[in-house]
Amino acid sequence: MFLGYGANGKPKRKYVSGKTRAEVNKQITELLGKQQRGIPITSKSPSVSAFLDQWLEDMVKPSKRPRTYESYEMVRRVHLKPALGRHKLEKPTAAHAQAMLTTKKNEGASGRTLLNIHGVIRAALNQAMK
């Protein structure tokens, strides 16, 4: 599916695949519906790490106080990127987040630290879902 042209002038395309022709047609229909509703369709899913970087700069920095931004950035850098950063944005599940929080708890993280991690990941992933 053709998505227009990128900043470098090259065409952007979204490829779909399925076991049957009906599956492929269904995926194409869904993509066309999203495109008609104005929902951006990306050809590649960003990693959690890339999304968190963008989210902090575009959503948190302009709307939160500087100390809040610094706190979120520290949680992202120290806890979230090492644990979840390598996953694609659509891949992490609640089980991944819970496993990370359990690991942090077993490593001796305080209850307040766990609440901060949970709050940042919840806010970021809720924004990603929108």
N, C-alpha and C. Protein backbone atom coordinates (compact mmCIF):
# COMPACT_ATOMS: atom_id res chain seq x y z
N MET A 1 0.85 -1.17 0.00
CA MET A 1 0.00 0.00 0.00
C MET A 1 0.90 1.24 0.00
N PHE A 2 0.61 2.18 -0.83
CA PHE A 2 1.39 3.41 -0.98
C PHE A 2 0.97 4.41 0.10
N LEU A 3 1.95 4.98 0.83
CA LEU A 3 1.68 5.91 1.92
C LEU A 3 2.16 7.32 1.65
N GLY A 4 2.59 7.59 0.45
CA GLY A 4 3.10 8.92 0.13
C GLY A 4 4.61 8.88 0.03
N TYR A 5 5.22 10.03 0.14
CA TYR A 5 6.67 10.14 0.02
C TYR A 5 7.28 10.57 1.34
N GLY A 6 8.45 10.04 1.64
CA GLY A 6 9.16 10.39 2.86
C GLY A 6 9.92 11.69 2.69
N ALA A 7 10.61 12.10 3.75
CA ALA A 7 11.39 13.35 3.72
C ALA A 7 12.52 13.28 2.70
N ASN A 8 13.01 12.09 2.42
CA ASN A 8 14.10 11.93 1.46
C ASN A 8 13.60 11.82 0.03
N GLY A 9 12.29 11.90 -0.19
CA GLY A 9 11.72 11.86 -1.53
C GLY A 9 11.41 10.45 -2.03
N LYS A 10 11.74 9.45 -1.25
CA LYS A 10 11.47 8.08 -1.66
C LYS A 10 10.05 7.70 -1.26
N PRO A 11 9.40 6.85 -2.05
CA PRO A 11 8.04 6.44 -1.69
C PRO A 11 8.02 5.58 -0.43
N LYS A 12 6.99 5.78 0.40
CA LYS A 12 6.80 4.96 1.59
C LYS A 12 5.68 3.98 1.29
N ARG A 13 5.91 2.72 1.65
CA ARG A 13 4.92 1.69 1.40
C ARG A 13 4.72 0.86 2.65
N LYS A 14 3.52 0.33 2.79
CA LYS A 14 3.19 -0.59 3.88
C LYS A 14 2.88 -1.93 3.22
N TYR A 15 3.60 -2.94 3.64
CA TYR A 15 3.40 -4.28 3.09
C TYR A 15 2.60 -5.11 4.08
N VAL A 16 1.68 -5.89 3.56
CA VAL A 16 0.89 -6.80 4.39
C VAL A 16 1.03 -8.20 3.83
N SER A 17 0.84 -9.17 4.70
CA SER A 17 0.89 -10.56 4.26
C SER A 17 -0.07 -11.38 5.10
N GLY A 18 -0.46 -12.52 4.56
CA GLY A 18 -1.37 -13.40 5.26
C GLY A 18 -1.36 -14.76 4.61
N LYS A 19 -2.02 -15.70 5.25
CA LYS A 19 -2.06 -17.06 4.72
C LYS A 19 -3.02 -17.19 3.55
N THR A 20 -4.05 -16.36 3.55
CA THR A 20 -5.03 -16.44 2.46
C THR A 20 -5.22 -15.05 1.87
N ARG A 21 -5.80 -15.04 0.69
CA ARG A 21 -6.09 -13.78 0.02
C ARG A 21 -7.11 -12.97 0.84
N ALA A 22 -8.03 -13.65 1.50
CA ALA A 22 -9.04 -12.97 2.31
C ALA A 22 -8.39 -12.23 3.48
N GLU A 23 -7.39 -12.83 4.12
CA GLU A 23 -6.69 -12.16 5.21
C GLU A 23 -5.99 -10.90 4.73
N VAL A 24 -5.34 -11.00 3.58
CA VAL A 24 -4.64 -9.84 3.02
C VAL A 24 -5.64 -8.74 2.68
N ASN A 25 -6.76 -9.11 2.06
CA ASN A 25 -7.79 -8.12 1.72
C ASN A 25 -8.33 -7.45 2.98
N LYS A 26 -8.52 -8.21 4.03
CA LYS A 26 -9.02 -7.64 5.29
C LYS A 26 -8.03 -6.62 5.85
N GLN A 27 -6.73 -6.96 5.83
CA GLN A 27 -5.71 -6.04 6.34
C GLN A 27 -5.66 -4.76 5.51
N ILE A 28 -5.75 -4.90 4.20
CA ILE A 28 -5.73 -3.73 3.32
C ILE A 28 -6.95 -2.85 3.58
N THR A 29 -8.11 -3.47 3.75
CA THR A 29 -9.33 -2.72 4.04
C THR A 29 -9.19 -1.94 5.34
N GLU A 30 -8.62 -2.58 6.37
CA GLU A 30 -8.41 -1.89 7.65
C GLU A 30 -7.46 -0.72 7.50
N LEU A 31 -6.38 -0.91 6.75
CA LEU A 31 -5.42 0.18 6.53
C LEU A 31 -6.06 1.33 5.77
N LEU A 32 -6.85 1.03 4.75
CA LEU A 32 -7.53 2.08 4.00
C LEU A 32 -8.52 2.84 4.88
N GLY A 33 -9.22 2.11 5.76
CA GLY A 33 -10.14 2.76 6.69
C GLY A 33 -9.40 3.72 7.62
N LYS A 34 -8.25 3.28 8.15
CA LYS A 34 -7.45 4.16 9.01
C LYS A 34 -6.99 5.39 8.24
N GLN A 35 -6.55 5.18 7.01
CA GLN A 35 -6.06 6.29 6.21
C GLN A 35 -7.19 7.29 5.94
N GLN A 36 -8.40 6.80 5.67
CA GLN A 36 -9.53 7.70 5.42
C GLN A 36 -9.96 8.46 6.67
N ARG A 37 -9.77 7.86 7.86
CA ARG A 37 -10.11 8.54 9.11
C ARG A 37 -9.01 9.50 9.55
N GLY A 38 -7.89 9.51 8.84
CA GLY A 38 -6.81 10.42 9.18
C GLY A 38 -5.84 9.88 10.20
N ILE A 39 -5.92 8.60 10.50
CA ILE A 39 -4.98 7.98 11.44
C ILE A 39 -3.69 7.70 10.69
N PRO A 40 -2.57 8.19 11.19
CA PRO A 40 -1.31 7.97 10.46
C PRO A 40 -0.94 6.50 10.43
N ILE A 41 -0.50 6.06 9.28
CA ILE A 41 -0.06 4.68 9.09
C ILE A 41 1.44 4.73 8.85
N THR A 42 2.18 4.06 9.68
CA THR A 42 3.62 4.04 9.51
C THR A 42 4.02 2.73 8.86
N SER A 43 5.08 2.78 8.10
CA SER A 43 5.53 1.57 7.43
C SER A 43 6.30 0.67 8.38
N LYS A 44 6.91 1.25 9.40
CA LYS A 44 7.66 0.46 10.37
C LYS A 44 7.19 0.86 11.77
N SER A 45 7.12 -0.13 12.63
CA SER A 45 6.75 0.15 14.01
C SER A 45 7.99 0.59 14.77
N PRO A 46 7.91 1.71 15.48
CA PRO A 46 9.09 2.15 16.23
C PRO A 46 9.33 1.25 17.44
N SER A 47 10.53 1.27 17.92
CA SER A 47 10.83 0.52 19.14
C SER A 47 10.26 1.29 20.33
N VAL A 48 10.12 0.60 21.44
CA VAL A 48 9.65 1.25 22.67
C VAL A 48 10.62 2.36 23.04
N SER A 49 11.91 2.11 22.86
CA SER A 49 12.92 3.11 23.18
C SER A 49 12.72 4.39 22.36
N ALA A 50 12.54 4.24 21.06
CA ALA A 50 12.35 5.40 20.19
C ALA A 50 11.06 6.13 20.54
N PHE A 51 10.00 5.36 20.83
CA PHE A 51 8.74 6.00 21.19
C PHE A 51 8.88 6.78 22.48
N LEU A 52 9.54 6.21 23.49
CA LEU A 52 9.71 6.91 24.77
C LEU A 52 10.49 8.21 24.60
N ASP A 53 11.53 8.18 23.76
CA ASP A 53 12.30 9.40 23.49
C ASP A 53 11.40 10.48 22.89
N GLN A 54 10.63 10.09 21.87
CA GLN A 54 9.75 11.04 21.20
C GLN A 54 8.65 11.52 22.14
N TRP A 55 8.08 10.62 22.90
CA TRP A 55 7.00 10.97 23.83
C TRP A 55 7.48 11.99 24.86
N LEU A 56 8.68 11.77 25.40
CA LEU A 56 9.21 12.72 26.39
C LEU A 56 9.38 14.11 25.80
N GLU A 57 9.93 14.18 24.60
CA GLU A 57 10.19 15.49 23.99
C GLU A 57 8.92 16.18 23.51
N ASP A 58 8.00 15.41 22.91
CA ASP A 58 6.82 16.03 22.29
C ASP A 58 5.65 16.22 23.24
N MET A 59 5.49 15.32 24.20
CA MET A 59 4.30 15.37 25.05
C MET A 59 4.60 15.82 26.48
N VAL A 60 5.67 15.33 27.06
CA VAL A 60 5.94 15.60 28.47
C VAL A 60 6.63 16.94 28.67
N LYS A 61 7.69 17.17 27.91
CA LYS A 61 8.49 18.39 28.12
C LYS A 61 7.67 19.67 28.01
N PRO A 62 6.80 19.81 26.98
CA PRO A 62 6.04 21.06 26.88
C PRO A 62 4.94 21.20 27.93
N SER A 63 4.45 20.10 28.48
CA SER A 63 3.26 20.19 29.33
C SER A 63 3.50 19.96 30.82
N LYS A 64 4.66 19.48 31.20
CA LYS A 64 4.94 19.19 32.61
C LYS A 64 6.03 20.13 33.13
N ARG A 65 6.12 20.21 34.44
CA ARG A 65 7.16 21.01 35.06
C ARG A 65 8.52 20.38 34.82
N PRO A 66 9.60 21.19 34.86
CA PRO A 66 10.94 20.66 34.58
C PRO A 66 11.34 19.48 35.48
N ARG A 67 11.01 19.54 36.77
CA ARG A 67 11.39 18.44 37.68
C ARG A 67 10.63 17.15 37.32
N THR A 68 9.38 17.30 36.90
CA THR A 68 8.61 16.13 36.49
C THR A 68 9.24 15.51 35.25
N TYR A 69 9.59 16.37 34.29
CA TYR A 69 10.26 15.89 33.07
C TYR A 69 11.55 15.16 33.43
N GLU A 70 12.36 15.73 34.33
CA GLU A 70 13.61 15.09 34.73
C GLU A 70 13.35 13.73 35.38
N SER A 71 12.32 13.65 36.19
CA SER A 71 11.97 12.39 36.84
C SER A 71 11.56 11.34 35.80
N TYR A 72 10.71 11.73 34.85
CA TYR A 72 10.29 10.80 33.80
C TYR A 72 11.48 10.35 32.96
N GLU A 73 12.37 11.30 32.66
CA GLU A 73 13.53 10.98 31.83
C GLU A 73 14.44 9.99 32.55
N MET A 74 14.61 10.15 33.86
CA MET A 74 15.44 9.24 34.64
C MET A 74 14.82 7.83 34.65
N VAL A 75 13.52 7.74 34.84
CA VAL A 75 12.85 6.44 34.84
C VAL A 75 13.02 5.78 33.47
N ARG A 76 12.86 6.56 32.41
CA ARG A 76 13.04 6.02 31.05
C ARG A 76 14.46 5.51 30.85
N ARG A 77 15.43 6.30 31.22
CA ARG A 77 16.84 5.97 30.97
C ARG A 77 17.32 4.80 31.82
N VAL A 78 16.96 4.80 33.11
CA VAL A 78 17.50 3.81 34.04
C VAL A 78 16.71 2.50 34.04
N HIS A 79 15.39 2.60 33.90
CA HIS A 79 14.57 1.41 34.09
C HIS A 79 13.91 0.89 32.81
N LEU A 80 13.26 1.77 32.05
CA LEU A 80 12.45 1.31 30.93
C LEU A 80 13.25 0.94 29.70
N LYS A 81 14.22 1.77 29.31
CA LYS A 81 15.00 1.45 28.12
C LYS A 81 15.75 0.13 28.24
N PRO A 82 16.45 -0.12 29.34
CA PRO A 82 17.15 -1.40 29.43
C PRO A 82 16.21 -2.61 29.42
N ALA A 83 15.04 -2.48 30.01
CA ALA A 83 14.15 -3.63 30.14
C ALA A 83 13.23 -3.83 28.93
N LEU A 84 12.70 -2.74 28.38
CA LEU A 84 11.70 -2.86 27.32
C LEU A 84 12.09 -2.17 26.01
N GLY A 85 13.18 -1.44 25.99
CA GLY A 85 13.53 -0.60 24.86
C GLY A 85 13.71 -1.32 23.54
N ARG A 86 14.15 -2.56 23.57
CA ARG A 86 14.44 -3.27 22.32
C ARG A 86 13.18 -3.80 21.62
N HIS A 87 12.06 -3.89 22.34
CA HIS A 87 10.83 -4.41 21.76
C HIS A 87 10.21 -3.40 20.80
N LYS A 88 9.50 -3.90 19.81
CA LYS A 88 8.72 -3.03 18.94
C LYS A 88 7.52 -2.54 19.73
N LEU A 89 7.00 -1.39 19.37
CA LEU A 89 5.96 -0.75 20.16
C LEU A 89 4.71 -1.61 20.29
N GLU A 90 4.38 -2.37 19.26
CA GLU A 90 3.16 -3.18 19.37
C GLU A 90 3.38 -4.50 20.09
N LYS A 91 4.63 -4.87 20.38
CA LYS A 91 4.92 -6.17 20.97
C LYS A 91 4.81 -6.26 22.49
N PRO A 92 5.23 -5.25 23.26
CA PRO A 92 5.18 -5.44 24.71
C PRO A 92 3.76 -5.61 25.21
N THR A 93 3.62 -6.46 26.19
CA THR A 93 2.30 -6.72 26.76
C THR A 93 2.34 -6.34 28.23
N ALA A 94 1.20 -6.47 28.86
CA ALA A 94 1.13 -6.23 30.30
C ALA A 94 2.05 -7.20 31.04
N ALA A 95 2.19 -8.40 30.49
CA ALA A 95 3.07 -9.40 31.11
C ALA A 95 4.52 -8.93 31.10
N HIS A 96 4.96 -8.27 30.01
CA HIS A 96 6.32 -7.73 29.96
C HIS A 96 6.53 -6.69 31.05
N ALA A 97 5.57 -5.78 31.17
CA ALA A 97 5.68 -4.71 32.17
C ALA A 97 5.66 -5.30 33.58
N GLN A 98 4.78 -6.26 33.81
CA GLN A 98 4.70 -6.87 35.13
C GLN A 98 5.98 -7.64 35.47
N ALA A 99 6.54 -8.33 34.48
CA ALA A 99 7.79 -9.06 34.69
C ALA A 99 8.92 -8.10 35.04
N MET A 100 8.95 -6.93 34.35
CA MET A 100 9.98 -5.94 34.64
C MET A 100 9.82 -5.41 36.06
N LEU A 101 8.59 -5.10 36.46
CA LEU A 101 8.34 -4.59 37.81
C LEU A 101 8.69 -5.63 38.87
N THR A 102 8.38 -6.88 38.61
CA THR A 102 8.73 -7.96 39.55
C THR A 102 10.24 -8.10 39.68
N THR A 103 10.94 -8.01 38.56
CA THR A 103 12.40 -8.08 38.58
C THR A 103 12.98 -6.92 39.39
N LYS A 104 12.45 -5.72 39.16
CA LYS A 104 12.94 -4.55 39.91
C LYS A 104 12.68 -4.71 41.41
N LYS A 105 11.52 -5.26 41.75
CA LYS A 105 11.20 -5.48 43.16
C LYS A 105 12.16 -6.49 43.78
N ASN A 106 12.45 -7.57 43.05
CA ASN A 106 13.39 -8.58 43.55
C ASN A 106 14.81 -8.05 43.66
N GLU A 107 15.14 -7.04 42.85
CA GLU A 107 16.47 -6.43 42.92
C GLU A 107 16.56 -5.43 44.06
N GLY A 108 15.43 -5.16 44.74
CA GLY A 108 15.47 -4.28 45.90
C GLY A 108 14.97 -2.87 45.68
N ALA A 109 14.28 -2.63 44.57
CA ALA A 109 13.75 -1.29 44.32
C ALA A 109 12.68 -0.97 45.36
N SER A 110 12.63 0.29 45.78
CA SER A 110 11.65 0.70 46.78
C SER A 110 10.24 0.73 46.17
N GLY A 111 9.26 0.76 47.02
CA GLY A 111 7.88 0.84 46.57
C GLY A 111 7.61 2.11 45.78
N ARG A 112 8.22 3.21 46.21
CA ARG A 112 8.04 4.49 45.51
C ARG A 112 8.63 4.43 44.11
N THR A 113 9.79 3.79 43.98
CA THR A 113 10.42 3.64 42.66
C THR A 113 9.52 2.82 41.75
N LEU A 114 8.96 1.75 42.28
CA LEU A 114 8.06 0.90 41.49
C LEU A 114 6.83 1.68 41.05
N LEU A 115 6.29 2.52 41.94
CA LEU A 115 5.14 3.35 41.56
C LEU A 115 5.51 4.34 40.46
N ASN A 116 6.70 4.93 40.56
CA ASN A 116 7.15 5.87 39.52
C ASN A 116 7.30 5.17 38.18
N ILE A 117 7.92 3.99 38.18
CA ILE A 117 8.09 3.23 36.94
C ILE A 117 6.72 2.91 36.35
N HIS A 118 5.82 2.42 37.18
CA HIS A 118 4.49 2.06 36.72
C HIS A 118 3.76 3.28 36.15
N GLY A 119 3.86 4.41 36.81
CA GLY A 119 3.19 5.62 36.34
C GLY A 119 3.70 6.09 35.00
N VAL A 120 5.01 6.06 34.82
CA VAL A 120 5.60 6.52 33.55
C VAL A 120 5.22 5.58 32.42
N ILE A 121 5.34 4.29 32.65
CA ILE A 121 5.02 3.35 31.56
C ILE A 121 3.54 3.40 31.23
N ARG A 122 2.68 3.56 32.23
CA ARG A 122 1.24 3.66 31.98
C ARG A 122 0.93 4.90 31.14
N ALA A 123 1.49 6.04 31.51
CA ALA A 123 1.24 7.28 30.77
C ALA A 123 1.74 7.19 29.33
N ALA A 124 2.94 6.63 29.16
CA ALA A 124 3.52 6.53 27.82
C ALA A 124 2.72 5.58 26.94
N LEU A 125 2.38 4.41 27.45
CA LEU A 125 1.68 3.44 26.62
C LEU A 125 0.22 3.85 26.37
N ASN A 126 -0.40 4.57 27.30
CA ASN A 126 -1.73 5.11 27.02
C ASN A 126 -1.67 6.10 25.87
N GLN A 127 -0.63 6.91 25.83
CA GLN A 127 -0.45 7.85 24.73
C GLN A 127 -0.20 7.10 23.42
N ALA A 128 0.58 6.03 23.50
CA ALA A 128 0.86 5.24 22.30
C ALA A 128 -0.42 4.63 21.73
N MET A 129 -1.32 4.21 22.61
CA MET A 129 -2.58 3.61 22.15
C MET A 129 -3.47 4.64 21.46
N LYS A 130 -3.40 5.90 21.91
CA LYS A 130 -4.20 6.96 21.28
C LYS A 130 -3.69 7.20 19.88
